[in-house]
Amino acid sequence: MKKLTLTFVLAAAAFLPAGAIAQTPDAFSAELLDSHNEERAKMDAPALAWSPQLQAEAQEYAAELARTGRMVHASNERRKGAGENLWMGAVGYFSAQDMMNTFLAEKKYYKPGIFPDVSNSGDWKDVGHYTQIIWQGTQEVGCAVAEGKVHEFLVCRYLPAGNILGRKMP
């Protein structure tokens, strides 16, 4: 029965226009997307769409971070110009919202202004995850998690990237 069902799905998909099959994020990913969009709505930023392509790229990089056990941003070239937020925590202890709350907690340091002068601490790195989440021009996000021996790693990728020097933040 599985083979017949798969054949039917593939046959039905052949009659749809290219790009018509949108992948719906799983519950974990949907929670991440909802959390992004809830905060963006508070800042009058348009909602983000989930990108299966960005999710796949984030998954590949999260797996690499899990293998090495080190949290380091991918090069701009490797990210293909996408923005990137990274998170690391002990395996099995954190929900999607817990992970997002780490980024969202930076809001307490955020102040509207011209990037990078957007932090009341004087250091934009104190709000860099948050500003990427609320960046007005960003349209898509894709996130993924991978587990290492001790830590799990969340990678979120954003297009177009945010945190651009000289741009006004709301």
Protein backbone atom coordinates (compact mmCIF):
# COMPACT_ATOMS: atom_id res chain seq x y z
CA MET A 1 0.00 0.00 0.00
CA LYS A 2 2.87 2.41 0.73
CA LYS A 3 4.26 2.02 -2.79
CA LEU A 4 0.85 2.71 -4.36
CA THR A 5 0.33 5.82 -2.18
CA LEU A 6 3.78 7.21 -2.99
CA THR A 7 3.22 6.57 -6.72
CA PHE A 8 -0.12 8.41 -6.56
CA VAL A 9 1.43 11.40 -4.76
CA LEU A 10 4.27 11.61 -7.27
CA ALA A 11 1.87 11.22 -10.20
CA ALA A 12 -0.43 13.93 -8.82
CA ALA A 13 2.51 16.25 -8.28
CA ALA A 14 3.49 15.93 -11.94
CA PHE A 15 0.35 17.86 -12.93
CA LEU A 16 1.00 20.83 -10.64
CA PRO A 17 2.94 23.90 -11.78
CA ALA A 18 6.58 24.06 -10.75
CA GLY A 19 6.95 25.36 -7.21
CA ALA A 20 3.30 24.66 -6.36
CA ILE A 21 4.15 22.09 -3.69
CA ALA A 22 5.08 24.04 -0.59
CA GLN A 23 6.61 22.12 2.25
CA THR A 24 4.86 22.79 5.52
CA PRO A 25 7.27 23.10 8.42
CA ASP A 26 7.09 20.42 11.11
CA ALA A 27 5.72 21.43 14.53
CA PHE A 28 9.15 22.46 15.88
CA SER A 29 9.87 24.59 12.81
CA ALA A 30 6.35 26.03 12.83
CA GLU A 31 6.89 27.12 16.43
CA LEU A 32 10.10 28.88 15.43
CA LEU A 33 8.36 30.59 12.50
CA ASP A 34 5.43 31.65 14.68
CA SER A 35 7.77 33.09 17.29
CA HIS A 36 9.66 35.06 14.62
CA ASN A 37 6.43 36.41 13.18
CA GLU A 38 4.88 37.29 16.54
CA GLU A 39 7.87 39.49 17.34
CA ARG A 40 7.94 40.95 13.84
CA ALA A 41 4.26 41.89 14.17
CA LYS A 42 5.07 43.78 17.39
CA MET A 43 7.64 45.78 15.41
CA ASP A 44 5.37 46.30 12.36
CA ALA A 45 7.62 44.13 10.20
CA PRO A 46 6.02 41.92 7.54
CA ALA A 47 5.64 38.22 8.33
CA LEU A 48 8.36 35.84 7.20
CA ALA A 49 7.72 32.87 4.93
CA TRP A 50 9.26 29.49 5.75
CA SER A 51 11.96 28.48 3.26
CA PRO A 52 12.61 24.76 2.82
CA GLN A 53 15.83 25.70 0.98
CA LEU A 54 17.11 27.79 3.90
CA GLN A 55 16.02 25.03 6.28
CA ALA A 56 18.04 22.45 4.31
CA GLU A 57 21.12 24.70 4.31
CA ALA A 58 20.67 25.38 8.03
CA GLN A 59 20.35 21.62 8.68
CA GLU A 60 23.59 20.90 6.87
CA TYR A 61 25.44 23.53 8.87
CA ALA A 62 23.81 22.56 12.20
CA ALA A 63 25.00 18.99 11.61
CA GLU A 64 28.54 20.28 11.07
CA LEU A 65 28.41 22.30 14.29
CA ALA A 66 27.12 19.24 16.15
CA ARG A 67 29.99 17.13 14.77
CA THR A 68 32.65 19.66 15.78
CA GLY A 69 30.97 20.76 19.03
CA ARG A 70 31.92 24.38 18.25
CA MET A 71 29.57 27.26 17.60
CA VAL A 72 31.00 29.52 14.90
CA HIS A 73 29.20 31.43 12.14
CA ALA A 74 29.49 30.17 8.59
CA SER A 75 31.30 32.44 6.16
CA ASN A 76 29.16 34.82 4.13
CA GLU A 77 30.15 32.84 1.03
CA ARG A 78 29.02 29.57 2.56
CA ARG A 79 25.74 31.18 3.68
CA LYS A 80 25.26 32.48 0.13
CA GLY A 81 24.66 35.93 1.59
CA ALA A 82 21.96 34.81 4.03
CA GLY A 83 21.81 36.18 7.56
CA GLU A 84 22.41 33.67 10.34
CA ASN A 85 21.46 33.27 13.99
CA LEU A 86 23.09 30.50 16.02
CA TRP A 87 22.14 28.99 19.37
CA MET A 88 23.73 26.21 21.45
CA GLY A 89 22.48 24.41 24.55
CA ALA A 90 22.51 21.10 26.38
CA VAL A 91 20.88 18.29 24.42
CA GLY A 92 17.23 17.67 25.24
CA TYR A 93 16.58 20.51 27.67
CA PHE A 94 15.24 23.28 25.43
CA SER A 95 12.09 23.79 23.39
CA ALA A 96 11.92 25.81 20.19
CA GLN A 97 10.50 28.71 22.22
CA ASP A 98 13.31 28.46 24.77
CA MET A 99 15.81 28.79 21.93
CA MET A 100 13.95 31.76 20.45
CA ASN A 101 13.65 33.39 23.87
CA THR A 102 17.45 33.60 23.99
CA PHE A 103 17.40 35.74 20.84
CA LEU A 104 14.33 37.71 21.89
CA ALA A 105 15.86 38.56 25.29
CA GLU A 106 18.19 40.90 23.43
CA LYS A 107 15.23 43.25 22.93
CA LYS A 108 15.97 44.80 26.34
CA TYR A 109 19.14 46.32 24.83
CA TYR A 110 17.54 47.36 21.54
CA LYS A 111 16.94 50.97 20.58
CA PRO A 112 15.71 52.29 17.23
CA GLY A 113 18.42 53.94 15.17
CA ILE A 114 20.76 53.59 12.24
CA PHE A 115 22.49 50.21 12.26
CA PRO A 116 24.88 49.55 14.04
CA ASP A 117 23.87 52.28 16.54
CA VAL A 118 20.89 50.21 17.74
CA SER A 119 21.93 49.08 21.21
CA ASN A 120 21.58 51.03 24.45
CA SER A 121 24.65 49.10 25.65
CA GLY A 122 26.73 50.69 22.91
CA ASP A 123 27.55 47.32 21.26
CA TRP A 124 25.33 46.16 18.39
CA LYS A 125 26.40 42.55 19.05
CA ASP A 126 24.19 42.69 22.15
CA VAL A 127 21.16 42.91 19.84
CA GLY A 128 22.42 41.29 16.61
CA HIS A 129 20.19 38.20 16.82
CA TYR A 130 17.18 40.30 17.68
CA THR A 131 17.75 42.84 14.89
CA GLN A 132 18.06 40.03 12.35
CA ILE A 133 14.71 38.65 13.51
CA ILE A 134 12.93 42.01 13.15
CA TRP A 135 14.83 43.29 10.07
CA GLN A 136 12.18 44.90 7.87
CA GLY A 137 13.62 43.70 4.54
CA THR A 138 13.96 40.04 5.48
CA GLN A 139 11.31 37.90 3.79
CA GLU A 140 12.24 34.26 4.44
CA VAL A 141 13.60 32.12 7.24
CA GLY A 142 14.62 28.49 7.57
CA CYS A 143 15.92 26.90 10.78
CA ALA A 144 17.19 23.50 11.83
CA VAL A 145 18.60 21.75 14.90
CA ALA A 146 21.25 19.06 15.19
CA GLU A 147 22.39 17.17 18.28
CA GLY A 148 26.02 16.63 19.18
CA LYS A 149 27.44 14.55 22.03
CA VAL A 150 26.76 17.23 24.64
CA HIS A 151 25.10 20.17 22.88
CA GLU A 152 22.43 20.76 20.31
CA PHE A 153 22.77 23.56 17.79
CA LEU A 154 20.06 25.71 16.24
CA VAL A 155 20.87 27.46 12.97
CA CYS A 156 18.44 29.97 11.47
CA ARG A 157 19.09 31.46 8.03
CA TYR A 158 17.44 34.63 6.71
CA LEU A 159 16.97 36.15 3.24
CA PRO A 160 17.54 38.87 2.48
CA ALA A 161 20.03 39.21 5.30
CA GLY A 162 19.66 41.96 7.88
CA ASN A 163 22.07 43.93 10.02
CA ILE A 164 23.23 46.14 7.16
CA LEU A 165 25.41 49.12 8.04
CA GLY A 166 23.72 52.49 7.60
CA ARG A 167 20.16 51.15 7.45
CA LYS A 168 17.45 52.58 9.71
CA MET A 169 15.83 50.30 12.29
CA PRO A 170 12.30 50.98 13.53
